[in-house]
C-alpha atoms as a PDB file:
ATOM      1  CA  MET A   1     -31.786 -12.020 -15.543  1.00  0.00           C
ATOM      2  CA  TYR A   2     -29.796 -13.054 -12.451  1.00  0.00           C
ATOM      3  CA  SER A   3     -26.550 -12.755 -14.395  1.00  0.00           C
ATOM      4  CA  LEU A   4     -27.426  -9.126 -15.051  1.00  0.00           C
ATOM      5  CA  ILE A   5     -28.012  -8.628 -11.314  1.00  0.00           C
ATOM      6  CA  GLY A   6     -24.540 -10.068 -10.608  1.00  0.00           C
ATOM      7  CA  VAL A   7     -22.918  -7.774 -13.158  1.00  0.00           C
ATOM      8  CA  GLY A   8     -24.845  -4.796 -11.778  1.00  0.00           C
ATOM      9  CA  ALA A   9     -23.726  -5.673  -8.250  1.00  0.00           C
ATOM     10  CA  LEU A  10     -20.105  -5.716  -9.411  1.00  0.00           C
ATOM     11  CA  VAL A  11     -20.418  -2.391 -11.227  1.00  0.00           C
ATOM     12  CA  LEU A  12     -22.009  -0.810  -8.150  1.00  0.00           C
ATOM     13  CA  SER A  13     -19.290  -2.220  -5.876  1.00  0.00           C
ATOM     14  CA  VAL A  14     -16.491  -1.014  -8.121  1.00  0.00           C
ATOM     15  CA  LEU A  15     -17.993   2.487  -8.416  1.00  0.00           C
ATOM     16  CA  VAL A  16     -18.378   2.897  -4.657  1.00  0.00           C
ATOM     17  CA  ALA A  17     -14.936   1.391  -3.958  1.00  0.00           C
ATOM     18  CA  SER A  18     -13.270   3.690  -6.495  1.00  0.00           C
ATOM     19  CA  HIS A  19     -15.051   6.699  -4.950  1.00  0.00           C
ATOM     20  CA  TRP A  20     -13.800   5.518  -1.541  1.00  0.00           C
ATOM     21  CA  PHE A  21     -10.190   5.206  -2.741  1.00  0.00           C
ATOM     22  CA  ARG A  22     -10.300   8.645  -4.384  1.00  0.00           C
ATOM     23  CA  ALA A  23     -11.481  10.092  -1.053  1.00  0.00           C
ATOM     24  CA  VAL A  24      -8.679   8.256   0.775  1.00  0.00           C
ATOM     25  CA  ASN A  25      -6.150   9.637  -1.708  1.00  0.00           C
ATOM     26  CA  ARG A  26      -7.425  13.183  -1.047  1.00  0.00           C
ATOM     27  CA  VAL A  27      -7.538  12.459   2.716  1.00  0.00           C
ATOM     28  CA  ALA A  28     -11.204  13.433   2.581  1.00  0.00           C
ATOM     29  CA  LEU A  29     -13.188  10.456   3.831  1.00  0.00           C
ATOM     30  CA  PRO A  30     -16.559  11.596   5.142  1.00  0.00           C
ATOM     31  CA  ARG A  31     -17.175  11.290   8.882  1.00  0.00           C
ATOM     32  CA  ASN A  32     -20.418   9.461   8.205  1.00  0.00           C
ATOM     33  CA  ARG A  33     -19.495   6.458   6.092  1.00  0.00           C
ATOM     34  CA  GLY A  34     -22.938   4.891   6.353  1.00  0.00           C
ATOM     35  CA  GLY A  35     -23.939   5.706   2.766  1.00  0.00           C
ATOM     36  CA  HIS A  36     -20.891   3.976   1.316  1.00  0.00           C
ATOM     37  CA  LEU A  37     -21.352   0.951   3.537  1.00  0.00           C
ATOM     38  CA  LEU A  38     -25.074   0.685   2.830  1.00  0.00           C
ATOM     39  CA  ILE A  39     -24.500   0.681  -0.921  1.00  0.00           C
ATOM     40  CA  LEU A  40     -21.703  -1.879  -0.602  1.00  0.00           C
ATOM     41  CA  ALA A  41     -23.919  -4.077   1.581  1.00  0.00           C
ATOM     42  CA  LEU A  42     -26.728  -3.863  -0.984  1.00  0.00           C
ATOM     43  CA  ALA A  43     -24.310  -4.721  -3.802  1.00  0.00           C
ATOM     44  CA  ALA A  44     -23.063  -7.724  -1.813  1.00  0.00           C
ATOM     45  CA  MET A  45     -26.664  -8.868  -1.223  1.00  0.00           C
ATOM     46  CA  PHE A  46     -27.428  -8.531  -4.940  1.00  0.00           C
ATOM     47  CA  GLY A  47     -24.314 -10.575  -5.663  1.00  0.00           C
ATOM     48  CA  LEU A  48     -25.492 -13.225  -3.210  1.00  0.00           C
ATOM     49  CA  LEU A  49     -28.940 -13.185  -4.822  1.00  0.00           C
ATOM     50  CA  ALA A  50     -27.423 -13.694  -8.269  1.00  0.00           C
ATOM     51  CA  ILE A  51     -25.405 -16.676  -7.071  1.00  0.00           C
ATOM     52  CA  ALA A  52     -28.284 -18.188  -5.088  1.00  0.00           C
ATOM     53  CA  GLN A  53     -30.685 -17.925  -8.018  1.00  0.00           C
ATOM     54  CA  GLY A  54     -28.352 -19.708 -10.411  1.00  0.00           C
ATOM     55  CA  ALA A  55     -26.765 -16.995 -12.510  1.00  0.00           C
ATOM     56  CA  ASN A  56     -24.507 -18.187 -15.330  1.00  0.00           C
ATOM     57  CA  TRP A  57     -20.763 -18.367 -14.646  1.00  0.00           C
ATOM     58  CA  ALA A  58     -20.137 -14.705 -15.554  1.00  0.00           C
ATOM     59  CA  GLY A  59     -22.939 -13.458 -13.301  1.00  0.00           C
ATOM     60  CA  ALA A  60     -21.809 -15.757 -10.496  1.00  0.00           C
ATOM     61  CA  ILE A  61     -18.212 -14.526 -10.728  1.00  0.00           C
ATOM     62  CA  CYS A  62     -19.353 -10.897 -10.783  1.00  0.00           C
ATOM     63  CA  GLY A  63     -21.642 -11.560  -7.834  1.00  0.00           C
ATOM     64  CA  GLY A  64     -18.849 -13.264  -5.918  1.00  0.00           C
ATOM     65  CA  ILE A  65     -16.475 -10.379  -6.487  1.00  0.00           C
ATOM     66  CA  SER A  66     -19.100  -7.881  -5.344  1.00  0.00           C
ATOM     67  CA  ILE A  67     -19.586  -9.944  -2.165  1.00  0.00           C
ATOM     68  CA  VAL A  68     -15.839  -9.915  -1.481  1.00  0.00           C
ATOM     69  CA  ILE A  69     -15.596  -6.145  -2.061  1.00  0.00           C
ATOM     70  CA  GLY A  70     -18.606  -5.409   0.157  1.00  0.00           C
ATOM     71  CA  VAL A  71     -17.504  -7.667   3.013  1.00  0.00           C
ATOM     72  CA  PHE A  72     -13.928  -6.360   2.827  1.00  0.00           C
ATOM     73  CA  PHE A  73     -14.971  -2.725   3.159  1.00  0.00           C
ATOM     74  CA  ILE A  74     -17.561  -3.360   5.850  1.00  0.00           C
ATOM     75  CA  LEU A  75     -15.117  -5.356   7.983  1.00  0.00           C
ATOM     76  CA  THR A  76     -12.326  -2.868   7.390  1.00  0.00           C
ATOM     77  CA  VAL A  77     -14.441   0.028   8.611  1.00  0.00           C
ATOM     78  CA  ALA A  78     -15.743  -2.030  11.542  1.00  0.00           C
ATOM     79  CA  ILE A  79     -12.281  -2.909  12.845  1.00  0.00           C
ATOM     80  CA  GLY A  80     -10.438   0.264  11.816  1.00  0.00           C
ATOM     81  CA  ALA A  81     -12.333   3.010  13.586  1.00  0.00           C
ATOM     82  CA  GLN A  82     -10.206   6.089  14.171  1.00  0.00           C
ATOM     83  CA  LYS A  83     -10.923   8.239  17.149  1.00  0.00           C
ATOM     84  CA  ALA A  84      -9.732  11.801  17.641  1.00  0.00           C
ATOM     85  CA  SER A  85      -7.795  12.322  20.837  1.00  0.00           C
ATOM     86  CA  ASP A  86      -8.676  15.022  23.344  1.00  0.00           C
ATOM     87  CA  GLN A  87      -4.935  15.633  23.632  1.00  0.00           C
ATOM     88  CA  ALA A  88      -4.476  16.968  20.102  1.00  0.00           C
ATOM     89  CA  ILE A  89      -1.676  19.472  19.693  1.00  0.00           C
ATOM     90  CA  ALA A  90      -2.781  22.874  18.417  1.00  0.00           C
ATOM     91  CA  ALA A  91      -0.875  24.667  15.674  1.00  0.00           C
ATOM     92  CA  GLY A  92       1.837  26.797  17.239  1.00  0.00           C
ATOM     93  CA  ALA A  93       1.818  24.861  20.524  1.00  0.00           C
ATOM     94  CA  GLN A  94       5.014  23.521  22.040  1.00  0.00           C
ATOM     95  CA  LEU A  95       6.017  20.124  20.753  1.00  0.00           C
ATOM     96  CA  PRO A  96       5.929  17.349  23.353  1.00  0.00           C
ATOM     97  CA  VAL A  97       9.068  15.255  23.762  1.00  0.00           C
ATOM     98  CA  PHE A  98       9.017  12.070  21.701  1.00  0.00           C
ATOM     99  CA  GLY A  99      11.399   9.816  19.819  1.00  0.00           C
ATOM    100  CA  GLY A 100      11.253   7.902  16.580  1.00  0.00           C
ATOM    101  CA  THR A 101      13.131   6.694  13.536  1.00  0.00           C
ATOM    102  CA  ASP A 102      13.796   8.752  10.445  1.00  0.00           C
ATOM    103  CA  GLU A 103      13.824   7.742   6.796  1.00  0.00           C
ATOM    104  CA  ASN A 104      17.408   6.435   7.215  1.00  0.00           C
ATOM    105  CA  ASN A 105      16.294   4.165  10.072  1.00  0.00           C
ATOM    106  CA  GLU A 106      18.241   6.275  12.585  1.00  0.00           C
ATOM    107  CA  CYS A 107      16.792   7.183  15.973  1.00  0.00           C
ATOM    108  CA  PHE A 108      16.052  10.809  16.795  1.00  0.00           C
ATOM    109  CA  ASP A 109      14.601  12.776  19.674  1.00  0.00           C
ATOM    110  CA  SER A 110      12.194  15.697  19.322  1.00  0.00           C
ATOM    111  CA  THR A 111      14.500  17.896  21.436  1.00  0.00           C
ATOM    112  CA  GLU A 112      16.895  17.907  18.445  1.00  0.00           C
ATOM    113  CA  LEU A 113      14.292  19.957  16.554  1.00  0.00           C
ATOM    114  CA  ALA A 114      14.249  22.827  19.066  1.00  0.00           C
ATOM    115  CA  GLY A 115      14.567  26.270  17.514  1.00  0.00           C
ATOM    116  CA  THR A 116      13.713  25.225  13.954  1.00  0.00           C
ATOM    117  CA  PRO A 117      10.319  25.407  12.307  1.00  0.00           C
ATOM    118  CA  VAL A 118       9.102  21.874  11.653  1.00  0.00           C
ATOM    119  CA  LEU A 119       5.971  20.361  10.199  1.00  0.00           C
ATOM    120  CA  ILE A 120       5.315  16.868  11.456  1.00  0.00           C
ATOM    121  CA  LYS A 121       2.335  14.993  10.118  1.00  0.00           C
ATOM    122  CA  PHE A 122       1.239  11.760  11.690  1.00  0.00           C
ATOM    123  CA  PHE A 123      -1.136   9.774   9.555  1.00  0.00           C
ATOM    124  CA  ARG A 124      -2.692   6.431  10.212  1.00  0.00           C
ATOM    125  CA  GLY A 125      -4.047   4.985   7.020  1.00  0.00           C
ATOM    126  CA  HIS A 126      -7.629   3.790   7.047  1.00  0.00           C
ATOM    127  CA  TRP A 127      -7.567   0.592   5.114  1.00  0.00           C
END
């Protein structure tokens, strides 16, 4: 019985995690991530229950993995909050001066881009 709970916890964790990664790949994570986190927390608790109640080795391993997945995602969201800046640049607005490195590891300045249409996308991954 408790082995089945451990396996179920793992299946639930993997389903929610795969849904999460598909959303990350589409750059479409929901603003309210509470549903994902609640399900992952429940799966981790079921995994803990399976281990605590003496599930066989397969159920205990599945439960342990579901705990790791749940804790990983919960901590990642807790420490990786992204906040939108009030200083966002609107489409068509003048580009502020900045510097950086290109794909060849050479330094450049944004003034070098003057007079040419450019699309610059800054993305901070949410791991």
